[in-house]
Amino acid sequence: MRKVVMSVLPVVVLVFSAGAIAGCKSKWVKRIEKIEKAACACKDAKCAKKQQKILNEYISDTKGVKVKKKDAKKVGKLVLKAQLCISKKILKDRLKKVKKVKPAAKK
């Protein structure tokens, strides 16, 4: 009986550990993943500006919150990715507006 327990115990611990690592995400990671997906799915500047407001709210909500180191790294990467997507959409819109403006005639 003892041999069975000693051989099964490490497998059980490994399975639960793997499940805990793979399945458990903090609410902050889940929330920023949604924000990042929405920000990168935007097609225009209006949508990007809306996502910027949501991202700013998220950042202000997370100030002072303690998270695990690995979660903090993941959140940081996702915030940067979301900000990059937002910036691209807004910049693209501004460039379109600049191209529409005709240069003044020279005298």
N, C-alpha and C. Protein backbone atom coordinates (compact mmCIF):
# COMPACT_ATOMS: atom_id res chain seq x y z
N MET A 1 0.82 -1.19 0.00
CA MET A 1 0.00 0.00 0.00
C MET A 1 0.86 1.26 0.00
N ARG A 2 1.89 1.24 0.80
CA ARG A 2 2.75 2.41 0.90
C ARG A 2 3.45 2.69 -0.42
N LYS A 3 3.86 1.64 -1.13
CA LYS A 3 4.51 1.82 -2.43
C LYS A 3 3.57 2.48 -3.43
N VAL A 4 2.32 2.08 -3.39
CA VAL A 4 1.33 2.66 -4.30
C VAL A 4 1.15 4.15 -4.01
N VAL A 5 1.01 4.50 -2.76
CA VAL A 5 0.84 5.90 -2.37
C VAL A 5 2.06 6.71 -2.75
N MET A 6 3.24 6.18 -2.51
CA MET A 6 4.47 6.91 -2.80
C MET A 6 4.69 7.08 -4.30
N SER A 7 4.18 6.16 -5.12
CA SER A 7 4.35 6.29 -6.56
C SER A 7 3.25 7.15 -7.18
N VAL A 8 2.09 7.20 -6.59
CA VAL A 8 0.97 7.98 -7.12
C VAL A 8 1.03 9.43 -6.64
N LEU A 9 1.51 9.64 -5.45
CA LEU A 9 1.53 10.98 -4.86
C LEU A 9 2.25 12.01 -5.74
N PRO A 10 3.46 11.73 -6.24
CA PRO A 10 4.12 12.73 -7.10
C PRO A 10 3.33 13.05 -8.37
N VAL A 11 2.64 12.06 -8.92
CA VAL A 11 1.84 12.29 -10.13
C VAL A 11 0.67 13.21 -9.81
N VAL A 12 0.00 12.96 -8.69
CA VAL A 12 -1.14 13.79 -8.28
C VAL A 12 -0.68 15.23 -8.05
N VAL A 13 0.42 15.40 -7.35
CA VAL A 13 0.95 16.74 -7.11
C VAL A 13 1.30 17.43 -8.41
N LEU A 14 1.91 16.73 -9.33
CA LEU A 14 2.28 17.30 -10.62
C LEU A 14 1.05 17.74 -11.41
N VAL A 15 0.01 16.92 -11.41
CA VAL A 15 -1.21 17.26 -12.15
C VAL A 15 -1.85 18.51 -11.57
N PHE A 16 -1.98 18.59 -10.25
CA PHE A 16 -2.58 19.77 -9.64
C PHE A 16 -1.71 21.01 -9.85
N SER A 17 -0.41 20.86 -9.81
CA SER A 17 0.49 21.99 -10.04
C SER A 17 0.36 22.50 -11.46
N ALA A 18 0.31 21.60 -12.42
CA ALA A 18 0.17 21.99 -13.83
C ALA A 18 -1.15 22.70 -14.05
N GLY A 19 -2.21 22.21 -13.42
CA GLY A 19 -3.52 22.86 -13.55
C GLY A 19 -3.51 24.24 -12.93
N ALA A 20 -2.85 24.38 -11.82
CA ALA A 20 -2.79 25.68 -11.16
C ALA A 20 -2.00 26.69 -11.99
N ILE A 21 -0.94 26.23 -12.61
CA ILE A 21 -0.11 27.12 -13.41
C ILE A 21 -0.83 27.51 -14.70
N ALA A 22 -1.43 26.55 -15.35
CA ALA A 22 -2.04 26.79 -16.65
C ALA A 22 -3.39 27.49 -16.54
N GLY A 23 -4.19 27.14 -15.53
CA GLY A 23 -5.56 27.60 -15.50
C GLY A 23 -5.81 28.87 -14.70
N CYS A 24 -4.96 29.24 -13.81
CA CYS A 24 -5.23 30.36 -12.93
C CYS A 24 -4.60 31.64 -13.45
N LYS A 25 -5.44 32.57 -13.80
CA LYS A 25 -4.96 33.90 -14.19
C LYS A 25 -5.60 34.88 -13.23
N SER A 26 -4.87 35.89 -12.89
CA SER A 26 -5.44 36.90 -12.01
C SER A 26 -6.47 37.71 -12.79
N LYS A 27 -7.35 38.36 -12.05
CA LYS A 27 -8.39 39.16 -12.71
C LYS A 27 -7.76 40.31 -13.49
N TRP A 28 -6.60 40.76 -13.06
CA TRP A 28 -5.94 41.87 -13.75
C TRP A 28 -5.41 41.43 -15.10
N VAL A 29 -4.89 40.21 -15.17
CA VAL A 29 -4.39 39.69 -16.45
C VAL A 29 -5.55 39.45 -17.41
N LYS A 30 -6.63 38.87 -16.91
CA LYS A 30 -7.81 38.63 -17.76
C LYS A 30 -8.36 39.94 -18.31
N ARG A 31 -8.42 40.94 -17.46
CA ARG A 31 -8.98 42.23 -17.87
C ARG A 31 -8.12 42.90 -18.93
N ILE A 32 -6.80 42.89 -18.76
CA ILE A 32 -5.93 43.55 -19.75
C ILE A 32 -5.90 42.76 -21.05
N GLU A 33 -6.07 41.44 -20.98
CA GLU A 33 -6.14 40.66 -22.22
C GLU A 33 -7.35 41.08 -23.05
N LYS A 34 -8.48 41.31 -22.39
CA LYS A 34 -9.68 41.78 -23.10
C LYS A 34 -9.46 43.16 -23.70
N ILE A 35 -8.85 44.04 -22.93
CA ILE A 35 -8.59 45.41 -23.40
C ILE A 35 -7.65 45.38 -24.59
N GLU A 36 -6.60 44.58 -24.50
CA GLU A 36 -5.61 44.50 -25.59
C GLU A 36 -6.25 43.97 -26.87
N LYS A 37 -7.07 42.94 -26.75
CA LYS A 37 -7.75 42.39 -27.93
C LYS A 37 -8.67 43.42 -28.56
N ALA A 38 -9.42 44.12 -27.74
CA ALA A 38 -10.34 45.14 -28.25
C ALA A 38 -9.58 46.29 -28.90
N ALA A 39 -8.47 46.70 -28.29
CA ALA A 39 -7.68 47.81 -28.83
C ALA A 39 -7.07 47.44 -30.17
N CYS A 40 -6.57 46.24 -30.30
CA CYS A 40 -5.94 45.83 -31.55
C CYS A 40 -6.97 45.48 -32.63
N ALA A 41 -8.22 45.28 -32.23
CA ALA A 41 -9.28 44.99 -33.20
C ALA A 41 -9.91 46.26 -33.77
N CYS A 42 -9.59 47.40 -33.20
CA CYS A 42 -10.17 48.67 -33.67
C CYS A 42 -9.81 48.93 -35.13
N LYS A 43 -10.77 49.48 -35.84
CA LYS A 43 -10.57 49.81 -37.26
C LYS A 43 -10.38 51.31 -37.49
N ASP A 44 -10.75 52.12 -36.51
CA ASP A 44 -10.63 53.58 -36.71
C ASP A 44 -10.19 54.27 -35.41
N ALA A 45 -9.95 55.57 -35.52
CA ALA A 45 -9.44 56.34 -34.39
C ALA A 45 -10.49 56.50 -33.29
N LYS A 46 -11.76 56.57 -33.67
CA LYS A 46 -12.82 56.72 -32.66
C LYS A 46 -12.82 55.54 -31.71
N CYS A 47 -12.74 54.35 -32.25
CA CYS A 47 -12.68 53.13 -31.45
C CYS A 47 -11.40 53.13 -30.60
N ALA A 48 -10.29 53.53 -31.21
CA ALA A 48 -9.01 53.54 -30.50
C ALA A 48 -9.03 54.51 -29.32
N LYS A 49 -9.66 55.66 -29.51
CA LYS A 49 -9.75 56.64 -28.42
C LYS A 49 -10.60 56.10 -27.27
N LYS A 50 -11.67 55.38 -27.62
CA LYS A 50 -12.51 54.75 -26.59
C LYS A 50 -11.69 53.73 -25.81
N GLN A 51 -10.90 52.93 -26.52
CA GLN A 51 -10.06 51.93 -25.86
C GLN A 51 -8.96 52.58 -25.02
N GLN A 52 -8.49 53.75 -25.46
CA GLN A 52 -7.49 54.49 -24.68
C GLN A 52 -8.06 54.89 -23.33
N LYS A 53 -9.31 55.34 -23.33
CA LYS A 53 -9.96 55.71 -22.06
C LYS A 53 -10.09 54.49 -21.15
N ILE A 54 -10.49 53.36 -21.74
CA ILE A 54 -10.63 52.13 -20.95
C ILE A 54 -9.27 51.68 -20.40
N LEU A 55 -8.23 51.80 -21.23
CA LEU A 55 -6.88 51.45 -20.79
C LEU A 55 -6.40 52.37 -19.66
N ASN A 56 -6.69 53.66 -19.78
CA ASN A 56 -6.31 54.60 -18.73
C ASN A 56 -7.02 54.29 -17.41
N GLU A 57 -8.30 53.91 -17.50
CA GLU A 57 -9.05 53.52 -16.30
C GLU A 57 -8.42 52.28 -15.67
N TYR A 58 -8.05 51.33 -16.51
CA TYR A 58 -7.41 50.10 -16.03
C TYR A 58 -6.11 50.43 -15.30
N ILE A 59 -5.32 51.30 -15.89
CA ILE A 59 -4.04 51.67 -15.28
C ILE A 59 -4.26 52.34 -13.94
N SER A 60 -5.24 53.24 -13.87
CA SER A 60 -5.50 53.91 -12.59
C SER A 60 -6.07 52.93 -11.55
N ASP A 61 -6.85 51.96 -11.99
CA ASP A 61 -7.39 50.95 -11.07
C ASP A 61 -6.31 50.06 -10.50
N THR A 62 -5.26 49.81 -11.26
CA THR A 62 -4.23 48.87 -10.82
C THR A 62 -3.11 49.53 -10.01
N LYS A 63 -3.14 50.82 -9.87
CA LYS A 63 -2.08 51.48 -9.08
C LYS A 63 -2.17 51.02 -7.62
N GLY A 64 -1.04 50.57 -7.11
CA GLY A 64 -0.97 50.13 -5.73
C GLY A 64 -1.41 48.70 -5.49
N VAL A 65 -1.84 48.01 -6.55
CA VAL A 65 -2.27 46.62 -6.41
C VAL A 65 -1.04 45.72 -6.50
N LYS A 66 -0.96 44.79 -5.58
CA LYS A 66 0.17 43.86 -5.59
C LYS A 66 -0.23 42.62 -6.39
N VAL A 67 0.61 42.27 -7.35
CA VAL A 67 0.39 41.07 -8.17
C VAL A 67 1.67 40.26 -8.20
N LYS A 68 1.54 39.03 -8.64
CA LYS A 68 2.72 38.17 -8.77
C LYS A 68 3.64 38.74 -9.83
N LYS A 69 4.91 38.44 -9.71
CA LYS A 69 5.91 38.97 -10.62
C LYS A 69 5.63 38.58 -12.07
N LYS A 70 5.27 37.30 -12.29
CA LYS A 70 4.99 36.85 -13.66
C LYS A 70 3.76 37.54 -14.22
N ASP A 71 2.75 37.77 -13.37
CA ASP A 71 1.56 38.49 -13.82
C ASP A 71 1.89 39.94 -14.15
N ALA A 72 2.75 40.54 -13.35
CA ALA A 72 3.14 41.93 -13.60
C ALA A 72 3.85 42.07 -14.94
N LYS A 73 4.70 41.11 -15.27
CA LYS A 73 5.40 41.15 -16.56
C LYS A 73 4.41 41.00 -17.70
N LYS A 74 3.48 40.08 -17.55
CA LYS A 74 2.49 39.84 -18.60
C LYS A 74 1.60 41.08 -18.79
N VAL A 75 1.18 41.67 -17.69
CA VAL A 75 0.35 42.88 -17.75
C VAL A 75 1.12 43.99 -18.44
N GLY A 76 2.38 44.16 -18.09
CA GLY A 76 3.20 45.20 -18.71
C GLY A 76 3.30 45.03 -20.21
N LYS A 77 3.53 43.81 -20.66
CA LYS A 77 3.63 43.54 -22.09
C LYS A 77 2.31 43.82 -22.80
N LEU A 78 1.21 43.40 -22.18
CA LEU A 78 -0.10 43.60 -22.80
C LEU A 78 -0.50 45.07 -22.84
N VAL A 79 -0.14 45.82 -21.80
CA VAL A 79 -0.42 47.26 -21.80
C VAL A 79 0.35 47.93 -22.94
N LEU A 80 1.61 47.57 -23.10
CA LEU A 80 2.41 48.15 -24.18
C LEU A 80 1.85 47.79 -25.55
N LYS A 81 1.44 46.55 -25.71
CA LYS A 81 0.87 46.11 -26.99
C LYS A 81 -0.42 46.85 -27.28
N ALA A 82 -1.29 46.99 -26.28
CA ALA A 82 -2.55 47.72 -26.46
C ALA A 82 -2.27 49.18 -26.82
N GLN A 83 -1.33 49.80 -26.13
CA GLN A 83 -0.99 51.19 -26.40
C GLN A 83 -0.43 51.35 -27.81
N LEU A 84 0.36 50.40 -28.26
CA LEU A 84 0.91 50.44 -29.61
C LEU A 84 -0.20 50.36 -30.65
N CYS A 85 -1.14 49.45 -30.46
CA CYS A 85 -2.27 49.33 -31.39
C CYS A 85 -3.09 50.62 -31.42
N ILE A 86 -3.35 51.18 -30.26
CA ILE A 86 -4.11 52.43 -30.17
C ILE A 86 -3.38 53.55 -30.88
N SER A 87 -2.10 53.68 -30.62
CA SER A 87 -1.29 54.75 -31.23
C SER A 87 -1.27 54.64 -32.74
N LYS A 88 -1.15 53.42 -33.25
CA LYS A 88 -1.13 53.22 -34.71
C LYS A 88 -2.42 53.69 -35.35
N LYS A 89 -3.56 53.35 -34.74
CA LYS A 89 -4.86 53.74 -35.31
C LYS A 89 -5.04 55.25 -35.28
N ILE A 90 -4.67 55.87 -34.20
CA ILE A 90 -4.82 57.33 -34.08
C ILE A 90 -3.87 58.03 -35.04
N LEU A 91 -2.64 57.57 -35.13
CA LEU A 91 -1.66 58.18 -36.04
C LEU A 91 -2.10 58.02 -37.49
N LYS A 92 -2.60 56.84 -37.83
CA LYS A 92 -3.07 56.59 -39.19
C LYS A 92 -4.20 57.56 -39.56
N ASP A 93 -5.11 57.79 -38.62
CA ASP A 93 -6.21 58.72 -38.85
C ASP A 93 -5.70 60.15 -39.03
N ARG A 94 -4.74 60.54 -38.22
CA ARG A 94 -4.18 61.90 -38.34
C ARG A 94 -3.45 62.08 -39.66
N LEU A 95 -2.75 61.06 -40.10
CA LEU A 95 -2.04 61.15 -41.39
C LEU A 95 -3.03 61.30 -42.54
N LYS A 96 -4.16 60.62 -42.45
CA LYS A 96 -5.19 60.78 -43.48
C LYS A 96 -5.69 62.21 -43.53
N LYS A 97 -5.88 62.83 -42.37
CA LYS A 97 -6.35 64.21 -42.30
C LYS A 97 -5.31 65.17 -42.87
N VAL A 98 -4.05 64.91 -42.61
CA VAL A 98 -2.98 65.78 -43.12
C VAL A 98 -2.91 65.68 -44.63
N LYS A 99 -3.07 64.50 -45.18
CA LYS A 99 -3.01 64.32 -46.63
C LYS A 99 -4.17 65.00 -47.33
N LYS A 100 -5.31 65.11 -46.67
CA LYS A 100 -6.47 65.76 -47.26
C LYS A 100 -6.29 67.27 -47.38
N VAL A 101 -5.51 67.85 -46.48
CA VAL A 101 -5.28 69.29 -46.51
C VAL A 101 -4.34 69.61 -47.65
N LYS A 102 -4.78 70.51 -48.53
CA LYS A 102 -3.93 70.88 -49.66
C LYS A 102 -2.95 71.95 -49.24
N PRO A 103 -1.72 71.89 -49.75
CA PRO A 103 -0.73 72.90 -49.39
C PRO A 103 -1.12 74.25 -49.98
N ALA A 104 -0.72 75.31 -49.29
CA ALA A 104 -1.04 76.68 -49.77
C ALA A 104 -0.26 76.97 -51.03
N ALA A 105 -0.88 77.73 -51.93
CA ALA A 105 -0.24 78.08 -53.20
C ALA A 105 0.91 79.05 -52.97
N LYS A 106 1.99 78.85 -53.69
CA LYS A 106 3.16 79.73 -53.57
C LYS A 106 2.99 80.94 -54.48
N LYS A 107 3.47 82.08 -54.05
CA LYS A 107 3.39 83.32 -54.86
C LYS A 107 4.72 83.65 -55.43
